[in-house]
Protein backbone atom coordinates (compact mmCIF):
# COMPACT_ATOMS: atom_id res chain seq x y z
CA MET A 1 72.06 -45.70 32.20
CA GLY A 2 73.17 -45.56 28.86
CA ALA A 3 71.50 -41.73 28.01
CA THR A 4 72.99 -41.23 31.39
CA VAL A 5 76.70 -42.27 29.73
CA CYS A 6 76.26 -40.85 26.18
CA ALA A 7 75.11 -37.07 28.45
CA ALA A 8 78.25 -37.29 30.34
CA VAL A 9 80.22 -38.63 27.63
CA ALA A 10 79.69 -35.65 25.16
CA ALA A 11 79.81 -33.63 27.73
CA ASP A 12 83.43 -33.76 28.60
CA SER A 13 85.79 -31.64 26.24
CA SER A 14 88.53 -34.53 25.80
CA LEU A 15 85.76 -37.32 24.92
CA GLU A 16 83.73 -37.48 21.88
CA LEU A 17 80.33 -39.69 21.98
CA VAL A 18 80.13 -41.16 17.99
CA ALA A 19 78.08 -44.15 18.24
CA ALA A 20 75.52 -45.68 20.13
CA VAL A 21 73.92 -48.92 20.30
CA ASP A 22 70.73 -50.09 21.78
CA THR A 23 67.70 -52.70 20.89
CA THR A 24 65.36 -49.64 20.44
CA GLY A 25 67.22 -47.62 17.72
CA ASP A 26 65.78 -45.50 15.34
CA VAL A 27 66.35 -42.57 18.15
CA THR A 28 69.41 -40.73 19.08
CA ALA A 29 71.26 -40.05 21.89
CA GLN A 30 73.01 -36.08 22.21
CA GLY A 31 72.73 -35.76 18.56
CA VAL A 32 74.07 -39.28 17.44
CA LYS A 33 71.93 -42.71 15.88
CA ILE A 34 71.85 -45.06 18.10
CA ASN A 35 71.90 -47.86 15.80
CA ARG A 36 70.60 -51.80 16.93
CA GLU A 37 74.08 -53.34 15.25
CA LEU A 38 77.29 -53.80 16.51
CA LYS A 39 78.94 -52.66 13.55
CA ALA A 40 77.74 -49.05 13.76
CA LEU A 41 80.76 -48.90 16.52
CA ALA A 42 83.08 -50.44 13.61
CA ASP A 43 81.84 -48.32 11.29
CA ALA A 44 82.58 -45.31 13.84
CA LYS A 45 85.91 -46.53 14.30
CA VAL A 46 85.84 -46.32 18.06
CA ASP A 47 88.31 -46.53 20.54
CA VAL A 48 86.62 -47.41 23.30
CA ALA A 49 82.70 -48.96 24.48
CA VAL A 50 80.58 -48.33 27.34
CA ASP A 51 78.69 -50.95 28.20
CA PHE A 52 75.44 -50.94 30.82
CA THR A 53 73.47 -54.07 29.59
CA VAL A 54 72.82 -57.74 31.29
CA ALA A 55 75.42 -60.09 31.29
CA ALA A 56 73.44 -62.11 28.38
CA ALA A 57 73.63 -59.25 26.65
CA ALA A 58 77.37 -58.97 26.77
CA ARG A 59 78.10 -62.13 26.95
CA VAL A 60 77.74 -61.06 23.04
CA THR A 61 79.08 -57.94 23.05
CA LEU A 62 82.21 -58.05 24.58
CA PRO A 63 83.59 -60.80 22.39
CA TRP A 64 82.79 -58.91 19.60
CA LEU A 65 85.05 -55.87 21.03
CA ALA A 66 87.86 -57.70 21.82
CA LEU A 67 87.78 -59.64 18.34
CA HIS A 68 87.57 -55.77 16.84
CA GLY A 69 90.35 -54.14 19.08
CA VAL A 70 88.02 -51.73 21.04
CA HIS A 71 88.60 -51.36 24.72
CA ALA A 72 85.07 -51.79 27.13
CA VAL A 73 84.73 -50.38 29.89
CA VAL A 74 81.96 -52.12 31.55
CA GLY A 75 79.10 -51.70 34.70
CA THR A 76 77.42 -54.80 33.59
CA THR A 77 77.26 -57.12 36.34
CA GLY A 78 76.57 -61.37 37.10
CA PHE A 79 79.02 -62.83 34.99
CA ASN A 80 80.63 -65.96 36.56
CA ASP A 81 84.19 -67.49 37.45
CA ALA A 82 83.78 -68.93 33.35
CA ASP A 83 83.00 -65.71 31.62
CA ILE A 84 85.93 -63.63 33.76
CA ALA A 85 88.38 -66.10 32.15
CA ALA A 86 87.05 -66.18 28.69
CA PHE A 87 87.21 -62.66 28.86
CA LYS A 88 90.65 -62.81 29.93
CA GLN A 89 91.68 -64.84 26.98
CA GLU A 90 89.56 -62.71 24.47
CA PHE A 91 91.00 -59.38 25.93
CA SER A 92 94.71 -59.26 23.95
CA ARG A 93 94.34 -56.74 21.39
CA SER A 94 91.97 -54.40 23.93
CA ASN A 95 91.64 -53.96 27.21
CA CYS A 96 88.25 -54.78 29.51
CA LEU A 97 87.29 -53.16 32.82
CA ILE A 98 84.63 -54.60 34.14
CA ALA A 99 83.26 -52.65 37.48
CA PRO A 100 80.39 -53.82 39.58
CA ASN A 101 79.87 -49.78 40.93
CA PHE A 102 81.71 -46.45 39.34
CA ALA A 103 80.45 -44.50 42.02
CA ILE A 104 83.82 -43.31 43.63
CA GLY A 105 81.90 -43.35 46.95
CA ALA A 106 81.05 -46.69 46.47
CA VAL A 107 84.46 -47.95 45.44
CA LEU A 108 85.54 -46.82 48.66
CA MET A 109 83.15 -48.15 50.58
CA MET A 110 83.87 -51.40 49.40
CA ARG A 111 87.53 -50.86 50.25
CA PHE A 112 86.79 -49.37 53.86
CA ALA A 113 84.81 -52.80 54.77
CA GLU A 114 88.07 -54.88 53.29
CA LEU A 115 90.07 -53.15 55.51
CA ALA A 116 88.09 -53.77 58.19
CA ALA A 117 87.51 -57.21 58.41
CA PRO A 118 90.40 -58.23 59.98
CA PHE A 119 89.39 -56.86 63.02
CA PHE A 120 85.46 -58.13 63.67
CA ASP A 121 84.31 -61.09 64.26
CA THR A 122 80.68 -61.03 62.42
CA ALA A 123 79.58 -59.18 59.34
CA GLU A 124 76.39 -58.77 57.13
CA ILE A 125 75.93 -56.53 54.27
CA ILE A 126 72.32 -54.84 52.85
CA GLU A 127 71.60 -53.19 49.59
CA ILE A 128 69.09 -51.51 48.79
CA HIS A 129 67.87 -50.81 44.88
CA HIS A 130 65.45 -49.69 42.78
CA ASP A 131 62.25 -52.14 42.24
CA ALA A 132 63.15 -52.03 38.15
CA LYS A 133 66.19 -53.97 39.21
CA ALA A 134 65.83 -57.86 37.96
CA ASP A 135 68.70 -59.84 39.82
CA SER A 136 69.75 -60.28 43.29
CA PRO A 137 72.00 -59.39 44.59
CA SER A 138 74.08 -56.35 43.49
CA GLY A 139 77.57 -57.30 41.97
CA THR A 140 78.32 -54.61 44.90
CA ALA A 141 77.58 -56.54 47.63
CA VAL A 142 78.81 -59.26 46.36
CA ALA A 143 82.18 -58.02 45.12
CA THR A 144 82.02 -56.37 48.92
CA ALA A 145 81.60 -59.71 49.69
CA GLN A 146 84.11 -61.69 47.87
CA ARG A 147 86.92 -58.71 49.58
CA MET A 148 85.87 -58.88 53.00
CA ALA A 149 86.03 -62.85 52.76
CA ALA A 150 89.87 -62.78 51.11
CA ALA A 151 90.79 -60.11 53.73
CA SER A 152 89.80 -63.01 56.88
CA ASN A 153 88.92 -66.01 57.68
CA GLU A 154 87.55 -65.87 61.00
CA TRP A 155 84.10 -64.91 61.04
CA ALA A 156 81.99 -66.19 64.05
CA LYS A 157 79.20 -69.49 63.05
CA ASP A 158 75.22 -67.77 63.22
CA PRO A 159 73.79 -68.87 65.30
CA THR A 160 70.51 -69.06 64.02
CA THR A 161 69.00 -72.75 64.12
CA HIS A 162 65.33 -71.59 63.07
CA GLU A 163 64.05 -69.42 60.21
CA ALA A 164 59.83 -68.89 61.04
CA ILE A 165 59.73 -67.30 57.88
CA PRO A 166 62.50 -69.25 55.17
CA GLY A 167 65.03 -66.36 53.69
CA ALA A 168 64.58 -64.37 57.02
CA ARG A 169 68.43 -64.61 57.47
CA GLY A 170 69.35 -63.41 53.87
CA GLY A 171 71.53 -65.33 51.34
CA LYS A 172 75.21 -66.59 52.45
CA GLY A 173 77.52 -65.32 50.61
CA PRO A 174 81.65 -65.85 50.39
CA ALA A 175 82.68 -67.22 53.62
CA ASP A 176 78.48 -66.84 54.89
CA ILE A 177 78.61 -63.14 55.52
CA ARG A 178 74.60 -62.50 55.02
CA ILE A 179 73.62 -60.58 52.11
CA HIS A 180 70.06 -58.89 52.29
CA ALA A 181 68.81 -57.06 49.10
CA VAL A 182 66.25 -55.06 48.98
CA ARG A 183 64.21 -53.57 45.73
CA MET A 184 62.13 -50.95 46.56
CA ARG A 185 60.63 -47.74 44.68
CA GLY A 186 62.27 -44.54 45.43
CA ALA A 187 65.49 -46.01 45.88
CA VAL A 188 68.76 -46.15 43.32
CA ALA A 189 70.92 -48.08 45.03
CA ASN A 190 72.24 -47.66 48.61
CA GLN A 191 74.44 -50.38 50.89
CA GLU A 192 75.51 -50.61 54.53
CA VAL A 193 77.89 -53.20 56.15
CA VAL A 194 77.93 -53.33 58.94
CA LEU A 195 80.51 -55.49 61.06
CA GLY A 196 80.41 -56.34 64.79
CA THR A 197 82.66 -57.80 67.77
CA GLN A 198 82.52 -57.62 71.09
CA GLY A 199 80.91 -54.45 72.50
CA GLN A 200 81.07 -52.42 69.44
CA THR A 201 79.75 -52.23 65.66
CA LEU A 202 81.21 -49.87 63.02
CA THR A 203 78.19 -49.16 60.37
CA ILE A 204 80.14 -48.65 56.50
CA ARG A 205 77.13 -47.15 54.28
CA HIS A 206 77.38 -45.35 50.92
CA ASP A 207 73.73 -43.65 49.22
CA THR A 208 73.27 -43.20 45.25
CA ILE A 209 71.43 -40.21 44.94
CA ASP A 210 70.99 -40.07 41.34
CA ARG A 211 72.22 -42.01 38.63
CA ASN A 212 74.65 -38.96 37.96
CA SER A 213 76.98 -40.26 40.48
CA PHE A 214 78.64 -43.03 38.29
CA MET A 215 80.03 -40.77 35.40
CA PRO A 216 82.67 -39.37 37.04
CA GLY A 217 84.16 -43.50 37.28
CA VAL A 218 82.78 -43.56 33.94
CA VAL A 219 84.57 -41.03 32.48
CA LEU A 220 87.71 -42.00 34.45
CA ALA A 221 87.63 -45.45 32.87
CA CYS A 222 87.21 -44.24 29.31
CA LYS A 223 90.31 -41.73 29.49
CA ASN A 224 92.73 -44.39 30.81
CA ILE A 225 91.37 -47.56 29.72
CA ALA A 226 94.15 -47.98 26.78
CA GLU A 227 97.02 -47.66 29.96
CA TYR A 228 95.50 -51.13 31.53
CA PRO A 229 96.48 -54.24 29.74
CA GLY A 230 93.83 -56.92 29.28
CA VAL A 231 91.55 -57.31 32.09
CA THR A 232 91.02 -55.42 35.37
CA LEU A 233 88.08 -56.55 37.57
CA GLY A 234 87.44 -52.98 39.75
CA LEU A 235 87.85 -49.12 39.88
CA ASP A 236 90.66 -49.45 42.48
CA SER A 237 93.41 -49.06 40.56
CA PHE A 238 92.07 -46.54 38.30
CA LEU A 239 91.71 -44.60 41.83
CA GLY A 240 95.25 -46.04 43.03
CA ILE A 241 93.48 -47.22 45.91
């Protein structure tokens, strides 16, 4: 993902790729040397840093960016409530966007599910990702369930009284909305939200075919992050929805 982000930034005429950081080091991205230390960002006087790592690494990187007044565009997931609260305290000199998904279609999918939630009695989320994804469920699935739960508190109870195979009904998310995580070789990122009520079902699905689908959202965030003070959760406000 880092290489894809670097390419997208370098390809945009209004952005400039000036530094890159990764634990591998000693290689280049779009002609820019990749460094192992965050100090390289300060040395390059970066305005915005994009973080697509893992939560453990981002818990170190984001406070450093806040301390140095660097805006952060974050696609890393796995943060807990305490993490978010800490980031909100830390980002006073610069801004931070944390989004579970930068694909425009995925953001719309979450919004559509949120709008539909009050009109249905049951809902389940099925997310499918590549087999190199270590965490489950995805941040997008969790965020979708959170938004649906906030939109409606009237969900029918699960009728299941026995699972022949434990876990067959998936995990319980917010409002006990079931989330099913699939890890599949050949996949990139897909999600279905299936809602049901008397005599009908509604399926809202988004498919990511290529990682480039995330780049318009990342580039949009880099260009506009300075206009959104503090910590923003989700790309929605950047899209005006």
